[in-house]
Amino acid sequence: MPVVADLLQHFPDAQIDWVVEEAYVHLVKLNAGVRKIIPFALRRWRKSLFSRATRQEMKQFYVDLRAEQYDIVLDTQGLMKTGLIMGMARIKPGGKKVGLANGTEGSGYEAASRLFHTESLPVDIHTHAVLRGRLVAAFACAYQLNTPAKFGLGDASHGSHPGWLPATPYAVFFHGTAGASKKWSRANWVAIAQTLATQHMPVLLPWGSAEEKAEAEQMAAQMPNASVLPKLTMHDAIILAQRAALAIGVDTGLTHIAAAYETPTVEIYCDSPRWKTEGNWSSKIINLGDQGKPASVAEVRDAISRLQAQAGSTANS
């Protein structure tokens, strides 16, 4: 998303198309700077590669991708699948296909993706995930980065108020994540909920799997102000992140979406390097902990106080 903002800052008339895994189409639709979204459904297609319907969808994807001749095609992930998509895309005479010359530390970079580039950009192995993409676009289009990252996300709720959202300001705990080592202690979540209960702030607990739902229910039983949410669609989860008065979460997608909206956010890193994805574009985001060094309850309480003081100062001004 910051790549879109950067391109439009330097080329206001740019027409930008985006190939995206179908599960995230709702998210990309919230960015008004994207002209056309081309859904890609590899995760679903690979389960039925030999069915007629799947083959028809894959053919239509190919047709949609090649309907345009582009000046520039960018691959900011450096994976074989994104390289293959880049290879299928058409460019105008003199156009170029630009991607990463190397991966960052711990990334899933696949060197074979360079086969599809006309130009490749080397980056430092500790380059932030957001900056990495911005650098590829800046290199391809010959401009300098001179602003913080902007995500350009519109109002996911379109002004409506879903019935499952409280009428009053709420906190959301993004406690679930795929890796057990990336989780924050249940006792810590309970302690923070109890702190927020003294402020009469409700806590919402989303979940994405049966295991996460059970964990949310167990935590809620120890929290006087917590509610376990119904199963949410991706679109609903985006609304949840955007509308929160306070988001607290581990290193997971919805925490980063809250940070992209510049919702007052506390990001907690437990077993992943903070430099990779920390929200560093707004004072409304506080990053705590690091790989092997989870944040303490006291640090999170202090971060909440700082964010609330900042919000109060902004409201008064």
C-alpha atoms as a PDB file:
ATOM      1  CA  MET A   1       0.000   0.000   0.000  1.00  0.00           C
ATOM      2  CA  PRO A   2       2.804   2.520   0.681  1.00  0.00           C
ATOM      3  CA  VAL A   3       4.155   1.683  -2.786  1.00  0.00           C
ATOM      4  CA  VAL A   4       0.829   2.854  -4.233  1.00  0.00           C
ATOM      5  CA  ALA A   5       1.027   6.075  -2.197  1.00  0.00           C
ATOM      6  CA  ASP A   6       4.629   6.687  -3.288  1.00  0.00           C
ATOM      7  CA  LEU A   7       3.864   6.128  -6.960  1.00  0.00           C
ATOM      8  CA  LEU A   8       0.895   8.481  -6.873  1.00  0.00           C
ATOM      9  CA  GLN A   9       2.908  11.121  -5.025  1.00  0.00           C
ATOM     10  CA  HIS A  10       5.493  11.165  -7.820  1.00  0.00           C
ATOM     11  CA  PHE A  11       3.178  10.285 -10.722  1.00  0.00           C
ATOM     12  CA  PRO A  12      -0.345  11.536  -9.881  1.00  0.00           C
ATOM     13  CA  ASP A  13      -1.814  10.146 -13.106  1.00  0.00           C
ATOM     14  CA  ALA A  14      -0.345   6.661 -12.646  1.00  0.00           C
ATOM     15  CA  GLN A  15      -2.706   3.759 -13.279  1.00  0.00           C
ATOM     16  CA  ILE A  16      -1.925   0.944 -10.866  1.00  0.00           C
ATOM     17  CA  ASP A  17      -3.155  -2.642 -11.096  1.00  0.00           C
ATOM     18  CA  TRP A  18      -2.541  -5.196  -8.340  1.00  0.00           C
ATOM     19  CA  VAL A  19      -2.422  -9.002  -8.422  1.00  0.00           C
ATOM     20  CA  VAL A  20      -3.489 -10.253  -4.991  1.00  0.00           C
ATOM     21  CA  GLU A  21      -4.412 -13.573  -3.387  1.00  0.00           C
ATOM     22  CA  GLU A  22      -8.208 -13.672  -3.420  1.00  0.00           C
ATOM     23  CA  ALA A  23      -8.558 -13.726   0.392  1.00  0.00           C
ATOM     24  CA  TYR A  24      -7.157 -10.176   0.533  1.00  0.00           C
ATOM     25  CA  VAL A  25      -9.189  -8.569  -2.254  1.00  0.00           C
ATOM     26  CA  HIS A  26     -11.389  -6.862   0.382  1.00  0.00           C
ATOM     27  CA  LEU A  27      -8.320  -5.192   1.856  1.00  0.00           C
ATOM     28  CA  VAL A  28      -6.946  -3.925  -1.463  1.00  0.00           C
ATOM     29  CA  LYS A  29     -10.394  -2.591  -2.415  1.00  0.00           C
ATOM     30  CA  LEU A  30     -10.041  -0.132   0.472  1.00  0.00           C
ATOM     31  CA  ASN A  31      -7.203   1.623  -1.354  1.00  0.00           C
ATOM     32  CA  ALA A  32      -8.657   4.116  -3.832  1.00  0.00           C
ATOM     33  CA  GLY A  33      -5.293   4.409  -5.595  1.00  0.00           C
ATOM     34  CA  VAL A  34      -5.627   0.952  -7.148  1.00  0.00           C
ATOM     35  CA  ARG A  35      -7.318   0.968 -10.553  1.00  0.00           C
ATOM     36  CA  LYS A  36      -7.830  -2.750 -11.098  1.00  0.00           C
ATOM     37  CA  ILE A  37      -7.533  -5.763  -8.806  1.00  0.00           C
ATOM     38  CA  ILE A  38      -6.624  -9.092 -10.407  1.00  0.00           C
ATOM     39  CA  PRO A  39      -7.456 -11.916  -7.958  1.00  0.00           C
ATOM     40  CA  PHE A  40      -5.100 -14.895  -7.780  1.00  0.00           C
ATOM     41  CA  ALA A  41      -6.348 -18.080  -6.093  1.00  0.00           C
ATOM     42  CA  LEU A  42      -3.375 -20.454  -6.002  1.00  0.00           C
ATOM     43  CA  ARG A  43      -4.210 -21.717  -2.498  1.00  0.00           C
ATOM     44  CA  ARG A  44      -7.624 -22.829  -3.699  1.00  0.00           C
ATOM     45  CA  TRP A  45      -6.647 -23.852  -7.243  1.00  0.00           C
ATOM     46  CA  ARG A  46      -3.949 -26.267  -6.104  1.00  0.00           C
ATOM     47  CA  LYS A  47      -6.641 -28.358  -4.369  1.00  0.00           C
ATOM     48  CA  SER A  48      -8.443 -29.014  -7.671  1.00  0.00           C
ATOM     49  CA  LEU A  49      -5.939 -28.416 -10.459  1.00  0.00           C
ATOM     50  CA  PHE A  50      -7.591 -30.891 -12.812  1.00  0.00           C
ATOM     51  CA  SER A  51     -11.180 -29.696 -12.461  1.00  0.00           C
ATOM     52  CA  ARG A  52     -12.747 -27.878 -15.377  1.00  0.00           C
ATOM     53  CA  ALA A  53     -13.861 -24.925 -13.219  1.00  0.00           C
ATOM     54  CA  THR A  54     -10.349 -24.431 -11.863  1.00  0.00           C
ATOM     55  CA  ARG A  55      -8.810 -24.559 -15.320  1.00  0.00           C
ATOM     56  CA  GLN A  56     -11.318 -21.967 -16.532  1.00  0.00           C
ATOM     57  CA  GLU A  57     -10.504 -19.666 -13.606  1.00  0.00           C
ATOM     58  CA  MET A  58      -6.775 -20.016 -14.251  1.00  0.00           C
ATOM     59  CA  LYS A  59      -7.287 -19.237 -17.930  1.00  0.00           C
ATOM     60  CA  GLN A  60      -9.338 -16.142 -17.052  1.00  0.00           C
ATOM     61  CA  PHE A  61      -6.605 -14.984 -14.647  1.00  0.00           C
ATOM     62  CA  TYR A  62      -4.081 -15.305 -17.468  1.00  0.00           C
ATOM     63  CA  VAL A  63      -6.314 -13.333 -19.839  1.00  0.00           C
ATOM     64  CA  ASP A  64      -6.929 -10.584 -17.253  1.00  0.00           C
ATOM     65  CA  LEU A  65      -3.237 -10.289 -16.422  1.00  0.00           C
ATOM     66  CA  ARG A  66      -2.232 -10.001 -20.071  1.00  0.00           C
ATOM     67  CA  ALA A  67      -5.006  -7.611 -21.078  1.00  0.00           C
ATOM     68  CA  GLU A  68      -2.681  -4.664 -20.458  1.00  0.00           C
ATOM     69  CA  GLN A  69       0.837  -3.783 -21.563  1.00  0.00           C
ATOM     70  CA  TYR A  70       2.544  -2.191 -18.569  1.00  0.00           C
ATOM     71  CA  ASP A  71       5.348   0.328 -18.364  1.00  0.00           C
ATOM     72  CA  ILE A  72       6.608  -1.303 -15.174  1.00  0.00           C
ATOM     73  CA  VAL A  73       5.870  -4.560 -13.375  1.00  0.00           C
ATOM     74  CA  LEU A  74       6.998  -4.815  -9.742  1.00  0.00           C
ATOM     75  CA  ASP A  75       7.563  -7.896  -7.602  1.00  0.00           C
ATOM     76  CA  THR A  76       8.263  -6.913  -3.992  1.00  0.00           C
ATOM     77  CA  GLN A  77       8.104 -10.453  -2.549  1.00  0.00           C
ATOM     78  CA  GLY A  78      10.775 -12.365  -4.441  1.00  0.00           C
ATOM     79  CA  LEU A  79       8.971 -15.700  -4.520  1.00  0.00           C
ATOM     80  CA  MET A  80       8.863 -18.191  -7.365  1.00  0.00           C
ATOM     81  CA  LYS A  81       5.085 -17.818  -7.660  1.00  0.00           C
ATOM     82  CA  THR A  82       5.289 -14.009  -7.836  1.00  0.00           C
ATOM     83  CA  GLY A  83       8.139 -14.313 -10.330  1.00  0.00           C
ATOM     84  CA  LEU A  84       6.016 -16.560 -12.545  1.00  0.00           C
ATOM     85  CA  ILE A  85       3.195 -14.022 -12.438  1.00  0.00           C
ATOM     86  CA  MET A  86       5.672 -11.301 -13.373  1.00  0.00           C
ATOM     87  CA  GLY A  87       6.850 -13.484 -16.241  1.00  0.00           C
ATOM     88  CA  MET A  88       3.301 -13.804 -17.591  1.00  0.00           C
ATOM     89  CA  ALA A  89       2.636 -10.045 -17.464  1.00  0.00           C
ATOM     90  CA  ARG A  90       3.221  -8.028 -20.636  1.00  0.00           C
ATOM     91  CA  ILE A  91       5.310  -4.872 -20.813  1.00  0.00           C
ATOM     92  CA  LYS A  92       5.480  -2.161 -23.449  1.00  0.00           C
ATOM     93  CA  PRO A  93       8.567  -1.756 -25.625  1.00  0.00           C
ATOM     94  CA  GLY A  94      11.150  -0.245 -23.300  1.00  0.00           C
ATOM     95  CA  GLY A  95       9.181  -1.370 -20.241  1.00  0.00           C
ATOM     96  CA  LYS A  96      10.786  -3.226 -17.361  1.00  0.00           C
ATOM     97  CA  LYS A  97      10.187  -5.842 -14.710  1.00  0.00           C
ATOM     98  CA  VAL A  98      11.857  -5.024 -11.413  1.00  0.00           C
ATOM     99  CA  GLY A  99      12.264  -7.060  -8.249  1.00  0.00           C
ATOM    100  CA  LEU A 100      14.583  -7.968  -5.400  1.00  0.00           C
ATOM    101  CA  ALA A 101      18.133  -9.164  -6.052  1.00  0.00           C
ATOM    102  CA  ASN A 102      18.303 -10.840  -2.643  1.00  0.00           C
ATOM    103  CA  GLY A 103      16.224 -11.698   0.382  1.00  0.00           C
ATOM    104  CA  THR A 104      16.237 -10.227   3.847  1.00  0.00           C
ATOM    105  CA  GLU A 105      17.243 -12.298   6.861  1.00  0.00           C
ATOM    106  CA  GLY A 106      14.724 -15.045   7.554  1.00  0.00           C
ATOM    107  CA  SER A 107      12.552 -14.242   4.524  1.00  0.00           C
ATOM    108  CA  GLY A 108      11.143 -16.826   2.129  1.00  0.00           C
ATOM    109  CA  TYR A 109      13.022 -15.256  -0.793  1.00  0.00           C
ATOM    110  CA  GLU A 110      13.642 -17.581  -3.752  1.00  0.00           C
ATOM    111  CA  ALA A 111      16.602 -16.596  -5.925  1.00  0.00           C
ATOM    112  CA  ALA A 112      15.065 -18.173  -9.038  1.00  0.00           C
ATOM    113  CA  SER A 113      12.515 -15.324  -9.075  1.00  0.00           C
ATOM    114  CA  ARG A 114      15.258 -13.140 -10.585  1.00  0.00           C
ATOM    115  CA  LEU A 115      14.913 -15.062 -13.859  1.00  0.00           C
ATOM    116  CA  PHE A 116      11.837 -12.962 -14.595  1.00  0.00           C
ATOM    117  CA  HIS A 117      13.410  -9.551 -13.884  1.00  0.00           C
ATOM    118  CA  THR A 118      14.871  -7.090 -16.329  1.00  0.00           C
ATOM    119  CA  GLU A 119      16.404  -5.266 -13.323  1.00  0.00           C
ATOM    120  CA  SER A 120      17.035  -6.394  -9.749  1.00  0.00           C
ATOM    121  CA  LEU A 121      17.628  -4.296  -6.630  1.00  0.00           C
ATOM    122  CA  PRO A 122      19.926  -5.519  -3.827  1.00  0.00           C
ATOM    123  CA  VAL A 123      18.778  -4.558  -0.316  1.00  0.00           C
ATOM    124  CA  ASP A 124      20.326  -4.762   3.135  1.00  0.00           C
ATOM    125  CA  ILE A 125      19.472  -8.064   4.823  1.00  0.00           C
ATOM    126  CA  HIS A 126      17.803  -6.171   7.690  1.00  0.00           C
ATOM    127  CA  THR A 127      15.496  -4.038   5.544  1.00  0.00           C
ATOM    128  CA  HIS A 128      11.995  -3.562   6.975  1.00  0.00           C
ATOM    129  CA  ALA A 129       9.265  -5.394   5.025  1.00  0.00           C
ATOM    130  CA  VAL A 130       7.450  -2.159   4.129  1.00  0.00           C
ATOM    131  CA  LEU A 131      10.601  -0.275   3.175  1.00  0.00           C
ATOM    132  CA  ARG A 132      11.770  -3.189   1.018  1.00  0.00           C
ATOM    133  CA  GLY A 133       8.796  -2.816  -1.323  1.00  0.00           C
ATOM    134  CA  ARG A 134       9.052   0.955  -1.359  1.00  0.00           C
ATOM    135  CA  LEU A 135      12.730   0.738  -2.345  1.00  0.00           C
ATOM    136  CA  VAL A 136      11.974  -1.565  -5.282  1.00  0.00           C
ATOM    137  CA  ALA A 137       9.415   0.910  -6.663  1.00  0.00           C
ATOM    138  CA  ALA A 138      11.671   3.926  -6.057  1.00  0.00           C
ATOM    139  CA  PHE A 139      14.532   2.185  -7.860  1.00  0.00           C
ATOM    140  CA  ALA A 140      12.288   1.212 -10.782  1.00  0.00           C
ATOM    141  CA  CYS A 141      10.857   4.717 -11.183  1.00  0.00           C
ATOM    142  CA  ALA A 142      13.958   6.756 -10.248  1.00  0.00           C
ATOM    143  CA  TYR A 143      12.650   8.753  -7.279  1.00  0.00           C
ATOM    144  CA  GLN A 144      13.805   9.274  -3.695  1.00  0.00           C
ATOM    145  CA  LEU A 145      11.797   8.276  -0.641  1.00  0.00           C
ATOM    146  CA  ASN A 146      11.154  11.376   1.459  1.00  0.00           C
ATOM    147  CA  THR A 147       7.980  10.635   3.455  1.00  0.00           C
ATOM    148  CA  PRO A 148       6.850   8.112   6.076  1.00  0.00           C
ATOM    149  CA  ALA A 149       4.876   5.147   4.802  1.00  0.00           C
ATOM    150  CA  LYS A 150       1.231   5.913   4.040  1.00  0.00           C
ATOM    151  CA  PHE A 151      -1.248   3.090   3.514  1.00  0.00           C
ATOM    152  CA  GLY A 152      -4.201   4.936   1.962  1.00  0.00           C
ATOM    153  CA  LEU A 153      -6.824   2.692   3.548  1.00  0.00           C
ATOM    154  CA  GLY A 154     -10.406   3.933   3.377  1.00  0.00           C
ATOM    155  CA  ASP A 155     -13.226   3.418   5.874  1.00  0.00           C
ATOM    156  CA  ALA A 156     -13.886  -0.322   5.923  1.00  0.00           C
ATOM    157  CA  SER A 157     -17.333   0.109   7.506  1.00  0.00           C
ATOM    158  CA  HIS A 158     -18.476   2.892   5.135  1.00  0.00           C
ATOM    159  CA  GLY A 159     -19.879   4.761   8.145  1.00  0.00           C
ATOM    160  CA  SER A 160     -22.047   1.900   9.414  1.00  0.00           C
ATOM    161  CA  HIS A 161     -21.780   0.336  12.869  1.00  0.00           C
ATOM    162  CA  PRO A 162     -21.893  -3.489  12.929  1.00  0.00           C
ATOM    163  CA  GLY A 163     -24.068  -4.914  15.690  1.00  0.00           C
ATOM    164  CA  TRP A 164     -21.209  -6.861  17.243  1.00  0.00           C
ATOM    165  CA  LEU A 165     -19.233  -3.656  17.952  1.00  0.00           C
ATOM    166  CA  PRO A 166     -19.777  -1.855  21.283  1.00  0.00           C
ATOM    167  CA  ALA A 167     -21.292   1.609  21.154  1.00  0.00           C
ATOM    168  CA  THR A 168     -18.486   2.880  23.394  1.00  0.00           C
ATOM    169  CA  PRO A 169     -14.697   2.970  22.774  1.00  0.00           C
ATOM    170  CA  TYR A 170     -13.179  -0.489  23.001  1.00  0.00           C
ATOM    171  CA  ALA A 171      -9.839  -2.282  23.061  1.00  0.00           C
ATOM    172  CA  VAL A 172      -9.134  -5.311  20.908  1.00  0.00           C
ATOM    173  CA  PHE A 173      -6.607  -8.010  21.773  1.00  0.00           C
ATOM    174  CA  PHE A 174      -5.094  -9.721  18.726  1.00  0.00           C
ATOM    175  CA  HIS A 175      -3.827 -12.628  20.785  1.00  0.00           C
ATOM    176  CA  GLY A 176      -3.881 -15.415  18.178  1.00  0.00           C
ATOM    177  CA  THR A 177      -0.998 -16.317  15.902  1.00  0.00           C
ATOM    178  CA  ALA A 178       0.131 -19.388  13.993  1.00  0.00           C
ATOM    179  CA  GLY A 179       3.289 -20.042  16.007  1.00  0.00           C
ATOM    180  CA  ALA A 180       2.975 -20.855  19.709  1.00  0.00           C
ATOM    181  CA  SER A 181       6.338 -19.200  20.383  1.00  0.00           C
ATOM    182  CA  LYS A 182       4.984 -15.882  19.052  1.00  0.00           C
ATOM    183  CA  LYS A 183       2.166 -15.812  21.609  1.00  0.00           C
ATOM    184  CA  TRP A 184       2.121 -13.635  24.696  1.00  0.00           C
ATOM    185  CA  SER A 185       1.346 -15.270  28.038  1.00  0.00           C
ATOM    186  CA  ARG A 186      -2.342 -15.695  28.865  1.00  0.00           C
ATOM    187  CA  ALA A 187      -1.702 -14.329  32.358  1.00  0.00           C
ATOM    188  CA  ASN A 188      -0.289 -11.168  30.772  1.00  0.00           C
ATOM    189  CA  TRP A 189      -3.413 -10.638  28.664  1.00  0.00           C
ATOM    190  CA  VAL A 190      -5.573 -11.073  31.745  1.00  0.00           C
ATOM    191  CA  ALA A 191      -3.505  -8.518  33.662  1.00  0.00           C
ATOM    192  CA  ILE A 192      -3.872  -5.935  30.877  1.00  0.00           C
ATOM    193  CA  ALA A 193      -7.633  -6.555  30.649  1.00  0.00           C
ATOM    194  CA  GLN A 194      -7.917  -5.958  34.374  1.00  0.00           C
ATOM    195  CA  THR A 195      -6.064  -2.665  33.961  1.00  0.00           C
ATOM    196  CA  LEU A 196      -8.491  -1.585  31.227  1.00  0.00           C
ATOM    197  CA  ALA A 197     -11.443  -2.693  33.366  1.00  0.00           C
ATOM    198  CA  THR A 198     -10.547   0.040  35.868  1.00  0.00           C
ATOM    199  CA  GLN A 199     -11.114   2.482  32.975  1.00  0.00           C
ATOM    200  CA  HIS A 200     -14.436   0.819  32.073  1.00  0.00           C
ATOM    201  CA  MET A 201     -13.083  -0.037  28.640  1.00  0.00           C
ATOM    202  CA  PRO A 202     -14.516  -3.220  27.077  1.00  0.00           C
ATOM    203  CA  VAL A 203     -12.090  -5.721  25.567  1.00  0.00           C
ATOM    204  CA  LEU A 204     -12.969  -7.668  22.406  1.00  0.00           C
ATOM    205  CA  LEU A 205     -11.366 -11.039  21.692  1.00  0.00           C
ATOM    206  CA  PRO A 206     -11.429 -12.175  18.048  1.00  0.00           C
ATOM    207  CA  TRP A 207     -10.373 -15.641  16.906  1.00  0.00           C
ATOM    208  CA  GLY A 208      -9.618 -17.431  13.677  1.00  0.00           C
ATOM    209  CA  SER A 209      -9.645 -21.122  14.589  1.00  0.00           C
ATOM    210  CA  ALA A 210     -11.277 -23.479  17.059  1.00  0.00           C
ATOM    211  CA  GLU A 211      -8.098 -23.453  19.136  1.00  0.00           C
ATOM    212  CA  GLU A 212      -8.011 -19.644  19.249  1.00  0.00           C
ATOM    213  CA  LYS A 213     -11.719 -19.532  20.138  1.00  0.00           C
ATOM    214  CA  ALA A 214     -11.154 -21.884  23.085  1.00  0.00           C
ATOM    215  CA  GLU A 215      -8.214 -19.770  24.213  1.00  0.00           C
ATOM    216  CA  ALA A 216     -10.308 -16.580  23.941  1.00  0.00           C
ATOM    217  CA  GLU A 217     -13.099 -18.143  26.005  1.00  0.00           C
ATOM    218  CA  GLN A 218     -10.650 -19.230  28.689  1.00  0.00           C
ATOM    219  CA  MET A 219      -9.186 -15.735  28.875  1.00  0.00           C
ATOM    220  CA  ALA A 220     -12.590 -14.051  28.891  1.00  0.00           C
ATOM    221  CA  ALA A 221     -13.577 -16.149  31.907  1.00  0.00           C
ATOM    222  CA  GLN A 222     -10.844 -14.344  33.839  1.00  0.00           C
ATOM    223  CA  MET A 223     -11.522 -10.874  32.436  1.00  0.00           C
ATOM    224  CA  PRO A 224     -14.380  -8.810  33.896  1.00  0.00           C
ATOM    225  CA  ASN A 225     -14.704  -6.647  30.779  1.00  0.00           C
ATOM    226  CA  ALA A 226     -14.054  -9.048  27.880  1.00  0.00           C
ATOM    227  CA  SER A 227     -16.300 -10.461  25.153  1.00  0.00           C
ATOM    228  CA  VAL A 228     -15.478 -13.246  22.715  1.00  0.00           C
ATOM    229  CA  LEU A 229     -16.536 -12.146  19.231  1.00  0.00           C
ATOM    230  CA  PRO A 230     -18.429 -14.302  16.725  1.00  0.00           C
ATOM    231  CA  LYS A 231     -16.403 -15.641  13.820  1.00  0.00           C
ATOM    232  CA  LEU A 232     -15.553 -12.667  11.621  1.00  0.00           C
ATOM    233  CA  THR A 233     -14.971 -12.396   7.910  1.00  0.00           C
ATOM    234  CA  MET A 234     -11.763 -10.718   6.772  1.00  0.00           C
ATOM    235  CA  HIS A 235     -13.783  -7.580   6.045  1.00  0.00           C
ATOM    236  CA  ASP A 236     -15.278  -7.576   9.557  1.00  0.00           C
ATOM    237  CA  ALA A 237     -11.830  -8.082  11.076  1.00  0.00           C
ATOM    238  CA  ILE A 238     -10.560  -5.030   9.201  1.00  0.00           C
ATOM    239  CA  ILE A 239     -13.450  -2.969  10.624  1.00  0.00           C
ATOM    240  CA  LEU A 240     -12.570  -4.273  14.095  1.00  0.00           C
ATOM    241  CA  ALA A 241      -8.956  -3.129  13.704  1.00  0.00           C
ATOM    242  CA  GLN A 242      -9.851   0.247  12.216  1.00  0.00           C
ATOM    243  CA  ARG A 243     -12.513   1.269  14.728  1.00  0.00           C
ATOM    244  CA  ALA A 244     -10.698   0.285  17.950  1.00  0.00           C
ATOM    245  CA  ALA A 245      -9.749   2.946  20.471  1.00  0.00           C
ATOM    246  CA  LEU A 246      -6.812   0.695  21.330  1.00  0.00           C
ATOM    247  CA  ALA A 247      -5.340  -2.362  19.607  1.00  0.00           C
ATOM    248  CA  ILE A 248      -2.892  -4.638  21.376  1.00  0.00           C
ATOM    249  CA  GLY A 249      -1.497  -7.580  19.480  1.00  0.00           C
ATOM    250  CA  VAL A 250       1.330  -9.953  18.791  1.00  0.00           C
ATOM    251  CA  ASP A 251       3.181 -10.121  15.477  1.00  0.00           C
ATOM    252  CA  THR A 252       0.229 -11.044  13.272  1.00  0.00           C
ATOM    253  CA  GLY A 253      -1.617  -9.650  10.269  1.00  0.00           C
ATOM    254  CA  LEU A 254      -4.494  -7.936  12.065  1.00  0.00           C
ATOM    255  CA  THR A 255      -2.112  -6.133  14.427  1.00  0.00           C
ATOM    256  CA  HIS A 256      -0.314  -4.761  11.383  1.00  0.00           C
ATOM    257  CA  ILE A 257      -3.621  -3.748   9.769  1.00  0.00           C
ATOM    258  CA  ALA A 258      -4.491  -1.766  12.912  1.00  0.00           C
ATOM    259  CA  ALA A 259      -1.082  -0.092  12.692  1.00  0.00           C
ATOM    260  CA  ALA A 260      -1.639   0.656   8.994  1.00  0.00           C
ATOM    261  CA  TYR A 261      -4.827   2.502   9.952  1.00  0.00           C
ATOM    262  CA  GLU A 262      -2.821   4.333  12.629  1.00  0.00           C
ATOM    263  CA  THR A 263      -5.192   3.017  15.266  1.00  0.00           C
ATOM    264  CA  PRO A 264      -3.453   3.506  18.657  1.00  0.00           C
ATOM    265  CA  THR A 265      -1.575   0.209  18.639  1.00  0.00           C
ATOM    266  CA  VAL A 266       0.782  -1.710  20.909  1.00  0.00           C
ATOM    267  CA  GLU A 267       2.721  -4.305  18.924  1.00  0.00           C
ATOM    268  CA  ILE A 268       4.205  -7.092  21.063  1.00  0.00           C
ATOM    269  CA  TYR A 269       7.104  -9.121  19.671  1.00  0.00           C
ATOM    270  CA  CYS A 270       7.910 -12.391  21.418  1.00  0.00           C
ATOM    271  CA  ASP A 271       9.734 -14.675  18.995  1.00  0.00           C
ATOM    272  CA  SER A 272      10.200 -12.737  15.786  1.00  0.00           C
ATOM    273  CA  PRO A 273      12.635  -9.906  14.969  1.00  0.00           C
ATOM    274  CA  ARG A 274      11.029  -6.535  15.562  1.00  0.00           C
ATOM    275  CA  TRP A 275      12.968  -4.824  12.765  1.00  0.00           C
ATOM    276  CA  LYS A 276      11.100  -6.821  10.119  1.00  0.00           C
ATOM    277  CA  THR A 277       7.572  -5.487  10.588  1.00  0.00           C
ATOM    278  CA  GLU A 278       7.399  -2.965  13.441  1.00  0.00           C
ATOM    279  CA  GLY A 279       5.063  -0.038  12.868  1.00  0.00           C
ATOM    280  CA  ASN A 280       7.526   2.823  12.437  1.00  0.00           C
ATOM    281  CA  TRP A 281       5.439   5.326  10.473  1.00  0.00           C
ATOM    282  CA  SER A 282       3.333   6.867  13.253  1.00  0.00           C
ATOM    283  CA  SER A 283       3.652   7.965  16.875  1.00  0.00           C
ATOM    284  CA  LYS A 284       0.338   6.146  17.466  1.00  0.00           C
ATOM    285  CA  ILE A 285       2.193   2.821  17.257  1.00  0.00           C
ATOM    286  CA  ILE A 286       4.406   1.558  20.078  1.00  0.00           C
ATOM    287  CA  ASN A 287       6.545  -1.519  19.466  1.00  0.00           C
ATOM    288  CA  LEU A 288       7.656  -3.642  22.415  1.00  0.00           C
ATOM    289  CA  GLY A 289       9.749  -6.758  22.884  1.00  0.00           C
ATOM    290  CA  ASP A 290      11.904  -8.555  20.351  1.00  0.00           C
ATOM    291  CA  GLN A 291      12.930 -12.028  19.335  1.00  0.00           C
ATOM    292  CA  GLY A 292      13.289 -14.040  22.534  1.00  0.00           C
ATOM    293  CA  LYS A 293      12.515 -10.971  24.669  1.00  0.00           C
ATOM    294  CA  PRO A 294       8.751 -10.652  25.183  1.00  0.00           C
ATOM    295  CA  ALA A 295       7.450  -7.369  26.567  1.00  0.00           C
ATOM    296  CA  SER A 296       6.470  -7.234  30.222  1.00  0.00           C
ATOM    297  CA  VAL A 297       3.040  -6.309  31.557  1.00  0.00           C
ATOM    298  CA  ALA A 298       4.530  -3.114  32.991  1.00  0.00           C
ATOM    299  CA  GLU A 299       5.878  -2.101  29.572  1.00  0.00           C
ATOM    300  CA  VAL A 300       2.500  -2.649  27.922  1.00  0.00           C
ATOM    301  CA  ARG A 301       0.718  -0.701  30.669  1.00  0.00           C
ATOM    302  CA  ASP A 302       3.140   2.165  30.170  1.00  0.00           C
ATOM    303  CA  ALA A 303       2.576   2.079  26.403  1.00  0.00           C
ATOM    304  CA  ILE A 304      -1.199   2.216  26.925  1.00  0.00           C
ATOM    305  CA  SER A 305      -0.804   5.247  29.189  1.00  0.00           C
ATOM    306  CA  ARG A 306       1.358   7.009  26.627  1.00  0.00           C
ATOM    307  CA  LEU A 307      -1.089   6.348  23.794  1.00  0.00           C
ATOM    308  CA  GLN A 308      -4.046   7.477  25.884  1.00  0.00           C
ATOM    309  CA  ALA A 309      -2.225  10.655  26.917  1.00  0.00           C
ATOM    310  CA  GLN A 310      -1.429  11.339  23.271  1.00  0.00           C
ATOM    311  CA  ALA A 311      -5.057  10.803  22.261  1.00  0.00           C
ATOM    312  CA  GLY A 312      -6.221  13.125  25.035  1.00  0.00           C
ATOM    313  CA  SER A 313      -3.734  15.789  23.984  1.00  0.00           C
ATOM    314  CA  THR A 314      -4.891  15.536  20.355  1.00  0.00           C
ATOM    315  CA  ALA A 315      -8.544  15.785  21.364  1.00  0.00           C
ATOM    316  CA  ASN A 316      -7.892  18.852  23.519  1.00  0.00           C
ATOM    317  CA  SER A 317      -5.968  20.618  20.763  1.00  0.00           C
END
